[in-house]
Amino acid sequence: MLLAERFSSIQRLLRTVAIILRWLQRRRHFRQAVIGAREMDDALEVLIRLDQQTHFMVEIKQLEAGSDKNHILRVGGRIENAELGHDQRFPLILPKSTPLVKLLIKQAQETTLHGGAQLMLHSLRRKFWIPHASQAVKSFVHKCVVCRLHRGLMFKQQMAPLPGQRVKPARPFVSSGVDYCGPFTLRIGTKRSRTLVKTYLAIFICMLLKPSI
């Protein structure tokens, strides 16, 4: 669809198509600034219908009985009696890798705040059914700079090797150490203050804990 290739946002595309439809139906309201939600839905239906007529022409002729009142193909299934919305029970089918589908994937990415392929697929499948949607979404995410930054690995601190006393067999308490060496809370006069323990105090405690041989 040449019109969809001219836009980088699905919202701008829908507003443009809504204005065109408004001009075709009622020319006197062409200068009205506000575009209603119903006009946006009508514009989306027109774009979907054009995409389906281009890529599913044979299927439309063979399955005219399966299309809805607006002559748009939908996917049927076993959940038609579920307590869900009509779009969730009968999602709109769209061809893969068309300009309209790419704009819808971009909208799903922005709506989910770059939440990843699975979250984007869940958002799309609430209304649309796109064959091989997983591949299309993963390809779109792979090319996104923001998503690549989110997937970047952070540097991890490298742990030093354990001392020999901790990995070599020996009698109990041959080597002793203290992990906690401050700060300690000391009482000085009538007030309470915090004083850091110096290095030589920690060494002195270790010497007291080490038994003489």
N, C-alpha and C. Protein backbone atom coordinates (compact mmCIF):
# COMPACT_ATOMS: atom_id res chain seq x y z
N MET A 1 0.85 -1.17 0.00
CA MET A 1 0.00 0.00 0.00
C MET A 1 0.90 1.24 0.00
N LEU A 2 0.80 2.06 -1.08
CA LEU A 2 1.69 3.20 -1.22
C LEU A 2 1.43 4.26 -0.16
N LEU A 3 0.19 4.42 0.28
CA LEU A 3 -0.12 5.44 1.26
C LEU A 3 0.56 5.13 2.60
N ALA A 4 0.57 3.89 3.01
CA ALA A 4 1.17 3.52 4.30
C ALA A 4 2.68 3.71 4.29
N GLU A 5 3.31 3.62 3.13
CA GLU A 5 4.76 3.79 3.05
C GLU A 5 5.18 5.23 3.27
N ARG A 6 4.26 6.16 3.20
CA ARG A 6 4.60 7.58 3.35
C ARG A 6 4.62 8.03 4.81
N PHE A 7 4.23 7.16 5.75
CA PHE A 7 4.11 7.56 7.14
C PHE A 7 4.99 6.68 8.01
N SER A 8 5.50 7.29 9.08
CA SER A 8 6.30 6.56 10.06
C SER A 8 5.53 6.25 11.33
N SER A 9 4.28 6.69 11.41
CA SER A 9 3.46 6.46 12.59
C SER A 9 2.06 6.04 12.15
N ILE A 10 1.51 5.03 12.82
CA ILE A 10 0.18 4.56 12.47
C ILE A 10 -0.87 5.61 12.82
N GLN A 11 -0.64 6.41 13.85
CA GLN A 11 -1.61 7.43 14.22
C GLN A 11 -1.72 8.51 13.16
N ARG A 12 -0.59 8.94 12.62
CA ARG A 12 -0.63 9.95 11.55
C ARG A 12 -1.31 9.39 10.31
N LEU A 13 -1.04 8.13 10.01
CA LEU A 13 -1.68 7.51 8.86
C LEU A 13 -3.19 7.44 9.04
N LEU A 14 -3.64 7.04 10.22
CA LEU A 14 -5.08 6.93 10.47
C LEU A 14 -5.76 8.29 10.43
N ARG A 15 -5.10 9.31 10.98
CA ARG A 15 -5.71 10.64 10.94
C ARG A 15 -5.83 11.16 9.51
N THR A 16 -4.82 10.88 8.69
CA THR A 16 -4.88 11.32 7.30
C THR A 16 -6.02 10.62 6.55
N VAL A 17 -6.12 9.30 6.74
CA VAL A 17 -7.19 8.56 6.08
C VAL A 17 -8.55 9.00 6.59
N ALA A 18 -8.65 9.31 7.89
CA ALA A 18 -9.93 9.77 8.46
C ALA A 18 -10.35 11.09 7.83
N ILE A 19 -9.38 11.99 7.62
CA ILE A 19 -9.71 13.27 6.97
C ILE A 19 -10.15 13.04 5.53
N ILE A 20 -9.49 12.11 4.84
CA ILE A 20 -9.89 11.81 3.45
C ILE A 20 -11.31 11.25 3.42
N LEU A 21 -11.62 10.32 4.34
CA LEU A 21 -12.97 9.76 4.39
C LEU A 21 -14.00 10.81 4.75
N ARG A 22 -13.65 11.70 5.65
CA ARG A 22 -14.57 12.78 6.01
C ARG A 22 -14.84 13.68 4.82
N TRP A 23 -13.80 13.97 4.05
CA TRP A 23 -13.95 14.83 2.87
C TRP A 23 -14.81 14.15 1.80
N LEU A 24 -14.66 12.82 1.67
CA LEU A 24 -15.45 12.11 0.67
C LEU A 24 -16.92 12.04 1.07
N GLN A 25 -17.20 11.94 2.37
CA GLN A 25 -18.58 11.77 2.82
C GLN A 25 -19.30 13.11 3.01
N ARG A 26 -18.65 14.02 3.73
CA ARG A 26 -19.31 15.29 4.04
C ARG A 26 -18.28 16.40 3.87
N ARG A 27 -18.29 17.03 2.78
CA ARG A 27 -17.29 18.04 2.48
C ARG A 27 -17.37 19.25 3.41
N ARG A 28 -18.52 19.57 3.95
CA ARG A 28 -18.66 20.75 4.78
C ARG A 28 -17.94 20.61 6.12
N HIS A 29 -17.63 19.37 6.54
CA HIS A 29 -16.94 19.17 7.81
C HIS A 29 -15.44 18.96 7.60
N PHE A 30 -14.94 19.30 6.44
CA PHE A 30 -13.54 19.04 6.14
C PHE A 30 -12.62 19.87 7.03
N ARG A 31 -13.06 21.04 7.45
CA ARG A 31 -12.21 21.92 8.26
C ARG A 31 -12.30 21.62 9.76
N GLN A 32 -13.07 20.64 10.15
CA GLN A 32 -13.18 20.32 11.57
C GLN A 32 -11.86 19.74 12.06
N ALA A 33 -11.34 20.26 13.18
CA ALA A 33 -10.00 19.88 13.64
C ALA A 33 -9.98 18.56 14.39
N VAL A 34 -10.99 18.29 15.19
CA VAL A 34 -10.99 17.11 16.05
C VAL A 34 -11.43 15.89 15.25
N ILE A 35 -10.64 14.80 15.39
CA ILE A 35 -10.97 13.53 14.74
C ILE A 35 -11.40 12.56 15.83
N GLY A 36 -12.60 12.03 15.70
CA GLY A 36 -13.15 11.15 16.73
C GLY A 36 -12.58 9.75 16.66
N ALA A 37 -12.83 8.99 17.75
CA ALA A 37 -12.34 7.61 17.82
C ALA A 37 -13.00 6.74 16.76
N ARG A 38 -14.29 7.00 16.49
CA ARG A 38 -14.98 6.20 15.49
C ARG A 38 -14.38 6.43 14.10
N GLU A 39 -13.99 7.67 13.82
CA GLU A 39 -13.36 7.95 12.52
C GLU A 39 -12.02 7.25 12.40
N MET A 40 -11.28 7.16 13.52
CA MET A 40 -10.00 6.43 13.49
C MET A 40 -10.23 4.95 13.24
N ASP A 41 -11.28 4.38 13.85
CA ASP A 41 -11.58 2.96 13.62
C ASP A 41 -12.00 2.72 12.18
N ASP A 42 -12.79 3.64 11.61
CA ASP A 42 -13.20 3.49 10.22
C ASP A 42 -11.99 3.56 9.28
N ALA A 43 -11.06 4.45 9.60
CA ALA A 43 -9.86 4.56 8.77
C ALA A 43 -9.04 3.28 8.84
N LEU A 44 -8.92 2.68 10.03
CA LEU A 44 -8.18 1.42 10.17
C LEU A 44 -8.87 0.30 9.39
N GLU A 45 -10.20 0.27 9.41
CA GLU A 45 -10.91 -0.75 8.65
C GLU A 45 -10.68 -0.60 7.15
N VAL A 46 -10.64 0.62 6.68
CA VAL A 46 -10.37 0.85 5.26
C VAL A 46 -8.98 0.36 4.88
N LEU A 47 -7.99 0.66 5.71
CA LEU A 47 -6.62 0.23 5.42
C LEU A 47 -6.50 -1.29 5.47
N ILE A 48 -7.16 -1.93 6.44
CA ILE A 48 -7.12 -3.38 6.53
C ILE A 48 -7.81 -4.01 5.32
N ARG A 49 -8.93 -3.43 4.92
CA ARG A 49 -9.66 -3.96 3.76
C ARG A 49 -8.80 -3.87 2.50
N LEU A 50 -8.08 -2.77 2.33
CA LEU A 50 -7.21 -2.63 1.15
C LEU A 50 -6.07 -3.63 1.18
N ASP A 51 -5.49 -3.86 2.36
CA ASP A 51 -4.41 -4.84 2.48
C ASP A 51 -4.91 -6.24 2.18
N GLN A 52 -6.08 -6.59 2.69
CA GLN A 52 -6.63 -7.91 2.46
C GLN A 52 -6.99 -8.12 0.99
N GLN A 53 -7.54 -7.10 0.36
CA GLN A 53 -7.89 -7.23 -1.06
C GLN A 53 -6.65 -7.38 -1.93
N THR A 54 -5.52 -6.84 -1.47
CA THR A 54 -4.30 -6.96 -2.25
C THR A 54 -3.65 -8.33 -2.09
N HIS A 55 -3.65 -8.87 -0.86
CA HIS A 55 -2.90 -10.10 -0.58
C HIS A 55 -3.78 -11.33 -0.44
N PHE A 56 -5.07 -11.16 -0.18
CA PHE A 56 -5.97 -12.31 0.00
C PHE A 56 -7.14 -12.24 -0.97
N MET A 57 -6.88 -11.87 -2.19
CA MET A 57 -7.97 -11.71 -3.15
C MET A 57 -8.68 -13.04 -3.42
N VAL A 58 -7.91 -14.12 -3.60
CA VAL A 58 -8.50 -15.42 -3.88
C VAL A 58 -9.29 -15.91 -2.66
N GLU A 59 -8.70 -15.75 -1.48
CA GLU A 59 -9.37 -16.21 -0.27
C GLU A 59 -10.66 -15.44 -0.02
N ILE A 60 -10.67 -14.16 -0.34
CA ILE A 60 -11.88 -13.37 -0.13
C ILE A 60 -13.01 -13.87 -1.03
N LYS A 61 -12.69 -14.21 -2.26
CA LYS A 61 -13.71 -14.71 -3.16
C LYS A 61 -14.23 -16.07 -2.72
N GLN A 62 -13.33 -16.88 -2.13
CA GLN A 62 -13.74 -18.22 -1.71
C GLN A 62 -14.44 -18.22 -0.36
N LEU A 63 -14.16 -17.21 0.45
CA LEU A 63 -14.69 -17.18 1.82
C LEU A 63 -15.54 -15.95 2.07
N GLU A 64 -16.32 -15.57 1.11
CA GLU A 64 -17.16 -14.39 1.29
C GLU A 64 -18.15 -14.59 2.43
N ALA A 65 -18.57 -15.80 2.66
CA ALA A 65 -19.51 -16.06 3.74
C ALA A 65 -18.85 -15.90 5.11
N GLY A 66 -17.53 -16.01 5.17
CA GLY A 66 -16.84 -15.91 6.45
C GLY A 66 -16.41 -14.51 6.80
N SER A 67 -16.67 -13.54 5.95
CA SER A 67 -16.28 -12.17 6.25
C SER A 67 -17.38 -11.49 7.05
N ASP A 68 -17.02 -10.43 7.76
CA ASP A 68 -18.01 -9.75 8.59
C ASP A 68 -18.81 -8.76 7.75
N LYS A 69 -19.63 -7.97 8.41
CA LYS A 69 -20.53 -7.06 7.70
C LYS A 69 -19.77 -5.99 6.92
N ASN A 70 -18.54 -5.71 7.33
CA ASN A 70 -17.72 -4.73 6.62
C ASN A 70 -16.84 -5.37 5.56
N HIS A 71 -17.08 -6.67 5.30
CA HIS A 71 -16.31 -7.42 4.29
C HIS A 71 -14.82 -7.43 4.63
N ILE A 72 -14.53 -7.69 5.89
CA ILE A 72 -13.16 -7.83 6.36
C ILE A 72 -12.98 -9.24 6.89
N LEU A 73 -11.91 -9.90 6.47
CA LEU A 73 -11.65 -11.27 6.89
C LEU A 73 -11.21 -11.30 8.35
N ARG A 74 -11.76 -12.24 9.08
CA ARG A 74 -11.38 -12.47 10.46
C ARG A 74 -11.06 -13.94 10.66
N VAL A 75 -10.26 -14.22 11.68
CA VAL A 75 -9.89 -15.59 12.00
C VAL A 75 -10.89 -16.16 12.99
N GLY A 76 -11.44 -17.31 12.65
CA GLY A 76 -12.34 -17.99 13.55
C GLY A 76 -11.59 -18.96 14.45
N GLY A 77 -12.26 -19.49 15.44
CA GLY A 77 -11.62 -20.43 16.36
C GLY A 77 -12.63 -21.07 17.28
N ARG A 78 -12.12 -21.70 18.32
CA ARG A 78 -12.98 -22.42 19.24
C ARG A 78 -13.36 -21.59 20.46
N ILE A 79 -13.00 -20.32 20.46
CA ILE A 79 -13.30 -19.48 21.64
C ILE A 79 -14.40 -18.47 21.32
N GLU A 80 -15.26 -18.79 20.37
CA GLU A 80 -16.29 -17.83 19.98
C GLU A 80 -17.31 -17.61 21.10
N ASN A 81 -17.41 -18.54 22.03
CA ASN A 81 -18.34 -18.38 23.14
C ASN A 81 -17.67 -17.82 24.40
N ALA A 82 -16.41 -17.48 24.30
CA ALA A 82 -15.71 -16.94 25.46
C ALA A 82 -16.18 -15.52 25.77
N GLU A 83 -16.04 -15.13 27.03
CA GLU A 83 -16.46 -13.80 27.45
C GLU A 83 -15.34 -12.80 27.15
N LEU A 84 -15.09 -12.62 25.89
CA LEU A 84 -14.06 -11.69 25.43
C LEU A 84 -14.68 -10.75 24.41
N GLY A 85 -13.91 -9.72 24.06
CA GLY A 85 -14.38 -8.80 23.04
C GLY A 85 -14.43 -9.46 21.66
N HIS A 86 -15.17 -8.83 20.76
CA HIS A 86 -15.33 -9.40 19.42
C HIS A 86 -13.98 -9.49 18.70
N ASP A 87 -13.12 -8.49 18.86
CA ASP A 87 -11.82 -8.51 18.20
C ASP A 87 -10.91 -9.60 18.75
N GLN A 88 -11.02 -9.93 20.03
CA GLN A 88 -10.21 -10.98 20.60
C GLN A 88 -10.69 -12.36 20.19
N ARG A 89 -12.00 -12.52 20.06
CA ARG A 89 -12.54 -13.82 19.63
C ARG A 89 -12.37 -14.04 18.13
N PHE A 90 -12.45 -12.95 17.37
CA PHE A 90 -12.32 -13.05 15.91
C PHE A 90 -11.33 -11.97 15.45
N PRO A 91 -10.03 -12.20 15.63
CA PRO A 91 -9.05 -11.16 15.26
C PRO A 91 -9.01 -10.94 13.76
N LEU A 92 -8.66 -9.73 13.39
CA LEU A 92 -8.53 -9.36 11.99
C LEU A 92 -7.25 -9.96 11.42
N ILE A 93 -7.34 -10.60 10.27
CA ILE A 93 -6.17 -11.21 9.65
C ILE A 93 -5.50 -10.21 8.73
N LEU A 94 -4.18 -10.14 8.84
CA LEU A 94 -3.39 -9.21 8.04
C LEU A 94 -2.22 -9.95 7.42
N PRO A 95 -1.80 -9.56 6.23
CA PRO A 95 -0.64 -10.21 5.60
C PRO A 95 0.64 -9.83 6.32
N LYS A 96 1.66 -10.63 6.12
CA LYS A 96 2.94 -10.42 6.77
C LYS A 96 3.77 -9.39 6.00
N SER A 97 4.50 -8.57 6.75
CA SER A 97 5.54 -7.67 6.21
C SER A 97 4.98 -6.65 5.21
N THR A 98 3.82 -6.08 5.49
CA THR A 98 3.33 -4.97 4.69
C THR A 98 3.61 -3.67 5.46
N PRO A 99 3.61 -2.52 4.78
CA PRO A 99 3.83 -1.25 5.50
C PRO A 99 2.86 -1.03 6.64
N LEU A 100 1.59 -1.43 6.46
CA LEU A 100 0.62 -1.26 7.54
C LEU A 100 0.98 -2.13 8.74
N VAL A 101 1.39 -3.36 8.51
CA VAL A 101 1.76 -4.25 9.60
C VAL A 101 3.00 -3.71 10.33
N LYS A 102 3.94 -3.18 9.61
CA LYS A 102 5.13 -2.61 10.25
C LYS A 102 4.77 -1.43 11.15
N LEU A 103 3.82 -0.62 10.71
CA LEU A 103 3.38 0.50 11.54
C LEU A 103 2.65 -0.01 12.79
N LEU A 104 1.86 -1.07 12.64
CA LEU A 104 1.17 -1.63 13.80
C LEU A 104 2.15 -2.24 14.79
N ILE A 105 3.20 -2.89 14.28
CA ILE A 105 4.23 -3.44 15.16
C ILE A 105 4.96 -2.32 15.89
N LYS A 106 5.24 -1.24 15.18
CA LYS A 106 5.90 -0.10 15.82
C LYS A 106 5.01 0.49 16.91
N GLN A 107 3.71 0.58 16.65
CA GLN A 107 2.79 1.08 17.67
C GLN A 107 2.77 0.16 18.89
N ALA A 108 2.77 -1.15 18.66
CA ALA A 108 2.79 -2.10 19.78
C ALA A 108 4.07 -1.96 20.59
N GLN A 109 5.17 -1.70 19.92
CA GLN A 109 6.44 -1.51 20.63
C GLN A 109 6.40 -0.26 21.50
N GLU A 110 5.83 0.82 20.97
CA GLU A 110 5.74 2.05 21.75
C GLU A 110 4.74 1.91 22.89
N THR A 111 3.65 1.18 22.65
CA THR A 111 2.63 0.99 23.69
C THR A 111 3.17 0.16 24.85
N THR A 112 3.96 -0.85 24.54
CA THR A 112 4.52 -1.72 25.57
C THR A 112 5.83 -1.19 26.13
N LEU A 113 6.24 0.02 25.70
CA LEU A 113 7.47 0.64 26.21
C LEU A 113 8.68 -0.26 25.97
N HIS A 114 8.80 -0.78 24.74
CA HIS A 114 9.92 -1.64 24.35
C HIS A 114 10.01 -2.84 25.30
N GLY A 115 8.84 -3.45 25.56
CA GLY A 115 8.80 -4.54 26.51
C GLY A 115 9.27 -5.88 26.00
N GLY A 116 9.66 -5.98 24.75
CA GLY A 116 10.13 -7.26 24.22
C GLY A 116 9.15 -7.89 23.27
N ALA A 117 9.62 -8.95 22.59
CA ALA A 117 8.83 -9.58 21.53
C ALA A 117 7.55 -10.22 22.07
N GLN A 118 7.63 -10.92 23.21
CA GLN A 118 6.45 -11.61 23.73
C GLN A 118 5.35 -10.64 24.13
N LEU A 119 5.73 -9.56 24.77
CA LEU A 119 4.72 -8.57 25.17
C LEU A 119 4.12 -7.88 23.96
N MET A 120 4.93 -7.62 22.94
CA MET A 120 4.42 -7.01 21.72
C MET A 120 3.45 -7.95 21.00
N LEU A 121 3.80 -9.24 20.94
CA LEU A 121 2.90 -10.21 20.31
C LEU A 121 1.56 -10.28 21.05
N HIS A 122 1.61 -10.27 22.37
CA HIS A 122 0.36 -10.30 23.15
C HIS A 122 -0.48 -9.07 22.86
N SER A 123 0.16 -7.92 22.72
CA SER A 123 -0.60 -6.70 22.43
C SER A 123 -1.21 -6.74 21.03
N LEU A 124 -0.48 -7.26 20.05
CA LEU A 124 -1.00 -7.33 18.68
C LEU A 124 -2.14 -8.34 18.55
N ARG A 125 -2.00 -9.48 19.20
CA ARG A 125 -2.97 -10.55 19.03
C ARG A 125 -4.28 -10.29 19.75
N ARG A 126 -4.37 -9.21 20.48
CA ARG A 126 -5.66 -8.85 21.07
C ARG A 126 -6.63 -8.35 20.01
N LYS A 127 -6.11 -7.99 18.83
CA LYS A 127 -6.99 -7.48 17.78
C LYS A 127 -6.65 -8.01 16.40
N PHE A 128 -5.38 -8.38 16.18
CA PHE A 128 -4.94 -8.77 14.84
C PHE A 128 -4.34 -10.18 14.88
N TRP A 129 -4.46 -10.84 13.73
CA TRP A 129 -3.79 -12.13 13.54
C TRP A 129 -2.91 -12.00 12.31
N ILE A 130 -1.59 -12.05 12.53
CA ILE A 130 -0.60 -11.86 11.47
C ILE A 130 0.15 -13.17 11.30
N PRO A 131 0.09 -13.82 10.13
CA PRO A 131 0.87 -15.04 9.92
C PRO A 131 2.36 -14.78 10.12
N HIS A 132 3.02 -15.69 10.83
CA HIS A 132 4.46 -15.56 11.13
C HIS A 132 4.74 -14.24 11.86
N ALA A 133 3.82 -13.88 12.75
CA ALA A 133 4.00 -12.61 13.48
C ALA A 133 5.22 -12.65 14.38
N SER A 134 5.55 -13.82 14.91
CA SER A 134 6.70 -13.92 15.81
C SER A 134 7.99 -13.52 15.10
N GLN A 135 8.16 -14.00 13.87
CA GLN A 135 9.37 -13.65 13.12
C GLN A 135 9.40 -12.17 12.79
N ALA A 136 8.25 -11.61 12.41
CA ALA A 136 8.22 -10.19 12.07
C ALA A 136 8.52 -9.32 13.28
N VAL A 137 7.97 -9.68 14.43
CA VAL A 137 8.20 -8.89 15.64
C VAL A 137 9.65 -9.01 16.10
N LYS A 138 10.20 -10.22 16.09
CA LYS A 138 11.59 -10.41 16.51
C LYS A 138 12.55 -9.66 15.59
N SER A 139 12.25 -9.66 14.29
CA SER A 139 13.09 -8.91 13.36
C SER A 139 13.02 -7.41 13.63
N PHE A 140 11.83 -6.93 13.96
CA PHE A 140 11.68 -5.50 14.27
C PHE A 140 12.40 -5.14 15.56
N VAL A 141 12.32 -6.00 16.57
CA VAL A 141 13.00 -5.74 17.84
C VAL A 141 14.51 -5.78 17.65
N HIS A 142 14.98 -6.70 16.83
CA HIS A 142 16.42 -6.83 16.60
C HIS A 142 17.00 -5.57 15.96
N LYS A 143 16.21 -4.86 15.17
CA LYS A 143 16.70 -3.66 14.51
C LYS A 143 16.52 -2.40 15.36
N CYS A 144 15.81 -2.52 16.47
CA CYS A 144 15.53 -1.35 17.31
C CYS A 144 16.75 -1.04 18.19
N VAL A 145 17.21 0.20 18.15
CA VAL A 145 18.39 0.59 18.93
C VAL A 145 18.09 0.57 20.42
N VAL A 146 16.90 1.06 20.81
CA VAL A 146 16.54 1.10 22.22
C VAL A 146 16.45 -0.30 22.80
N CYS A 147 15.86 -1.23 22.07
CA CYS A 147 15.75 -2.61 22.55
C CYS A 147 17.12 -3.26 22.66
N ARG A 148 18.02 -2.95 21.75
CA ARG A 148 19.37 -3.51 21.82
C ARG A 148 20.11 -2.98 23.03
N LEU A 149 19.87 -1.73 23.38
CA LEU A 149 20.50 -1.18 24.59
C LEU A 149 19.94 -1.85 25.84
N HIS A 150 18.64 -2.16 25.84
CA HIS A 150 18.05 -2.82 27.00
C HIS A 150 18.56 -4.25 27.15
N ARG A 151 18.90 -4.89 26.03
CA ARG A 151 19.40 -6.26 26.09
C ARG A 151 20.90 -6.34 26.36
N GLY A 152 21.56 -5.20 26.44
CA GLY A 152 23.00 -5.20 26.64
C GLY A 152 23.39 -5.82 27.97
N LEU A 153 24.49 -6.59 27.97
CA LEU A 153 24.96 -7.24 29.17
C LEU A 153 25.77 -6.25 30.01
N MET A 154 25.51 -6.26 31.30
CA MET A 154 26.25 -5.41 32.21
C MET A 154 27.52 -6.12 32.69
N PHE A 155 28.54 -5.32 32.97
CA PHE A 155 29.78 -5.89 33.47
C PHE A 155 29.55 -6.45 34.87
N LYS A 156 30.11 -7.62 35.10
CA LYS A 156 30.00 -8.27 36.39
C LYS A 156 31.36 -8.28 37.08
N GLN A 157 31.32 -8.09 38.37
CA GLN A 157 32.56 -8.06 39.13
C GLN A 157 33.18 -9.45 39.19
N GLN A 158 34.47 -9.53 38.91
CA GLN A 158 35.17 -10.80 38.96
C GLN A 158 35.64 -11.06 40.39
N MET A 159 35.32 -12.23 40.89
CA MET A 159 35.69 -12.59 42.25
C MET A 159 37.14 -13.06 42.30
N ALA A 160 37.84 -12.65 43.34
CA ALA A 160 39.23 -13.06 43.52
C ALA A 160 39.29 -14.52 43.96
N PRO A 161 40.39 -15.21 43.69
CA PRO A 161 40.50 -16.61 44.12
C PRO A 161 40.51 -16.72 45.64
N LEU A 162 39.98 -17.82 46.14
CA LEU A 162 39.93 -18.05 47.59
C LEU A 162 41.33 -18.25 48.14
N PRO A 163 41.59 -17.81 49.37
CA PRO A 163 42.90 -18.04 49.96
C PRO A 163 43.17 -19.52 50.18
N GLY A 164 44.45 -19.87 50.27
CA GLY A 164 44.82 -21.27 50.42
C GLY A 164 44.28 -21.92 51.66
N GLN A 165 44.13 -21.14 52.76
CA GLN A 165 43.63 -21.72 54.00
C GLN A 165 42.19 -22.22 53.88
N ARG A 166 41.45 -21.70 52.88
CA ARG A 166 40.04 -22.08 52.74
C ARG A 166 39.83 -23.24 51.78
N VAL A 167 40.85 -23.64 51.06
CA VAL A 167 40.69 -24.71 50.07
C VAL A 167 41.60 -25.90 50.34
N LYS A 168 42.52 -25.80 51.32
CA LYS A 168 43.43 -26.90 51.63
C LYS A 168 42.97 -27.61 52.90
N PRO A 169 43.03 -28.93 52.93
CA PRO A 169 42.65 -29.67 54.15
C PRO A 169 43.56 -29.32 55.31
N ALA A 170 42.96 -29.18 56.49
CA ALA A 170 43.74 -28.86 57.70
C ALA A 170 42.89 -29.16 58.92
N ARG A 171 43.57 -29.18 60.11
CA ARG A 171 42.85 -29.40 61.35
C ARG A 171 41.93 -28.21 61.65
N PRO A 172 40.86 -28.44 62.40
CA PRO A 172 39.96 -27.33 62.73
C PRO A 172 40.68 -26.20 63.46
N PHE A 173 40.35 -25.01 63.11
CA PHE A 173 40.82 -23.78 63.77
C PHE A 173 42.33 -23.57 63.63
N VAL A 174 42.97 -24.23 62.64
CA VAL A 174 44.37 -23.91 62.38
C VAL A 174 44.48 -22.46 61.90
N SER A 175 43.55 -22.07 61.06
CA SER A 175 43.49 -20.68 60.59
C SER A 175 42.12 -20.12 60.92
N SER A 176 42.09 -18.96 61.51
CA SER A 176 40.82 -18.33 61.90
C SER A 176 40.80 -16.90 61.39
N GLY A 177 39.62 -16.39 61.13
CA GLY A 177 39.47 -15.03 60.66
C GLY A 177 38.16 -14.44 61.12
N VAL A 178 38.05 -13.14 60.96
CA VAL A 178 36.86 -12.41 61.36
C VAL A 178 36.35 -11.65 60.15
N ASP A 179 35.09 -11.86 59.79
CA ASP A 179 34.51 -11.16 58.64
C ASP A 179 33.99 -9.78 59.03
N TYR A 180 33.53 -9.64 60.25
CA TYR A 180 32.93 -8.37 60.67
C TYR A 180 33.89 -7.63 61.60
N CYS A 181 34.36 -6.47 61.17
CA CYS A 181 35.31 -5.70 61.96
C CYS A 181 34.92 -4.23 62.06
N GLY A 182 33.68 -3.90 62.08
CA GLY A 182 33.30 -2.52 62.33
C GLY A 182 32.34 -2.00 61.27
N PRO A 183 31.85 -0.76 61.52
CA PRO A 183 32.13 0.06 62.71
C PRO A 183 31.37 -0.42 63.95
N PHE A 184 31.96 -0.21 65.11
CA PHE A 184 31.34 -0.58 66.37
C PHE A 184 30.75 0.67 67.03
N THR A 185 29.71 0.45 67.82
CA THR A 185 29.10 1.54 68.59
C THR A 185 29.69 1.54 70.00
N LEU A 186 30.36 2.61 70.34
CA LEU A 186 31.03 2.72 71.64
C LEU A 186 30.35 3.80 72.47
N ARG A 187 30.36 3.61 73.80
CA ARG A 187 29.81 4.60 74.71
C ARG A 187 30.96 5.45 75.26
N ILE A 188 30.93 6.74 74.98
CA ILE A 188 31.94 7.67 75.46
C ILE A 188 31.22 8.69 76.33
N GLY A 189 31.43 8.59 77.63
CA GLY A 189 30.74 9.49 78.54
C GLY A 189 29.26 9.16 78.58
N THR A 190 28.45 10.20 78.43
CA THR A 190 26.99 10.03 78.47
C THR A 190 26.38 10.00 77.07
N LYS A 191 27.19 10.14 76.03
CA LYS A 191 26.68 10.17 74.67
C LYS A 191 27.13 8.92 73.92
N ARG A 192 26.41 8.59 72.88
CA ARG A 192 26.73 7.43 72.05
C ARG A 192 27.22 7.92 70.69
N SER A 193 28.37 7.44 70.28
CA SER A 193 28.94 7.83 69.00
C SER A 193 29.45 6.59 68.27
N ARG A 194 29.71 6.74 67.01
CA ARG A 194 30.18 5.63 66.18
C ARG A 194 31.63 5.88 65.84
N THR A 195 32.48 4.87 66.07
CA THR A 195 33.91 4.98 65.82
C THR A 195 34.35 3.82 64.95
N LEU A 196 35.09 4.10 63.91
CA LEU A 196 35.58 3.06 63.02
C LEU A 196 36.75 2.33 63.67
N VAL A 197 36.72 1.02 63.55
CA VAL A 197 37.81 0.20 64.09
C VAL A 197 38.99 0.27 63.15
N LYS A 198 40.15 0.51 63.66
CA LYS A 198 41.34 0.63 62.84
C LYS A 198 41.84 -0.75 62.41
N THR A 199 42.75 -0.74 61.45
CA THR A 199 43.22 -1.99 60.88
C THR A 199 43.96 -2.83 61.92
N TYR A 200 44.77 -2.20 62.75
CA TYR A 200 45.56 -2.97 63.70
C TYR A 200 44.68 -3.66 64.73
N LEU A 201 43.48 -3.10 65.03
CA LEU A 201 42.58 -3.76 65.96
C LEU A 201 42.04 -5.05 65.37
N ALA A 202 41.70 -5.04 64.07
CA ALA A 202 41.24 -6.25 63.40
C ALA A 202 42.33 -7.31 63.39
N ILE A 203 43.58 -6.89 63.15
CA ILE A 203 44.69 -7.85 63.16
C ILE A 203 44.87 -8.44 64.56
N PHE A 204 44.73 -7.61 65.58
CA PHE A 204 44.88 -8.07 66.95
C PHE A 204 43.83 -9.11 67.31
N ILE A 205 42.58 -8.88 66.85
CA ILE A 205 41.51 -9.86 67.12
C ILE A 205 41.81 -11.18 66.44
N CYS A 206 42.32 -11.15 65.21
CA CYS A 206 42.65 -12.39 64.50
C CYS A 206 43.76 -13.14 65.22
N MET A 207 44.74 -12.41 65.75
CA MET A 207 45.83 -13.07 66.49
C MET A 207 45.33 -13.73 67.77
N LEU A 208 44.35 -13.13 68.41
CA LEU A 208 43.81 -13.72 69.63
C LEU A 208 43.04 -15.00 69.32
N LEU A 209 42.35 -15.01 68.17
CA LEU A 209 41.56 -16.20 67.81
C LEU A 209 42.41 -17.33 67.29
N LYS A 210 43.63 -17.06 66.82
CA LYS A 210 44.49 -18.11 66.27
C LYS A 210 45.19 -18.84 67.39
N PRO A 211 44.98 -20.13 67.54
CA PRO A 211 45.58 -20.87 68.66
C PRO A 211 47.07 -21.06 68.45
N SER A 212 47.76 -21.18 69.48
CA SER A 212 49.20 -21.42 69.40
C SER A 212 49.46 -22.89 69.14
N ILE A 213 50.49 -23.18 68.34
CA ILE A 213 50.81 -24.54 67.95
C ILE A 213 51.92 -25.09 68.88
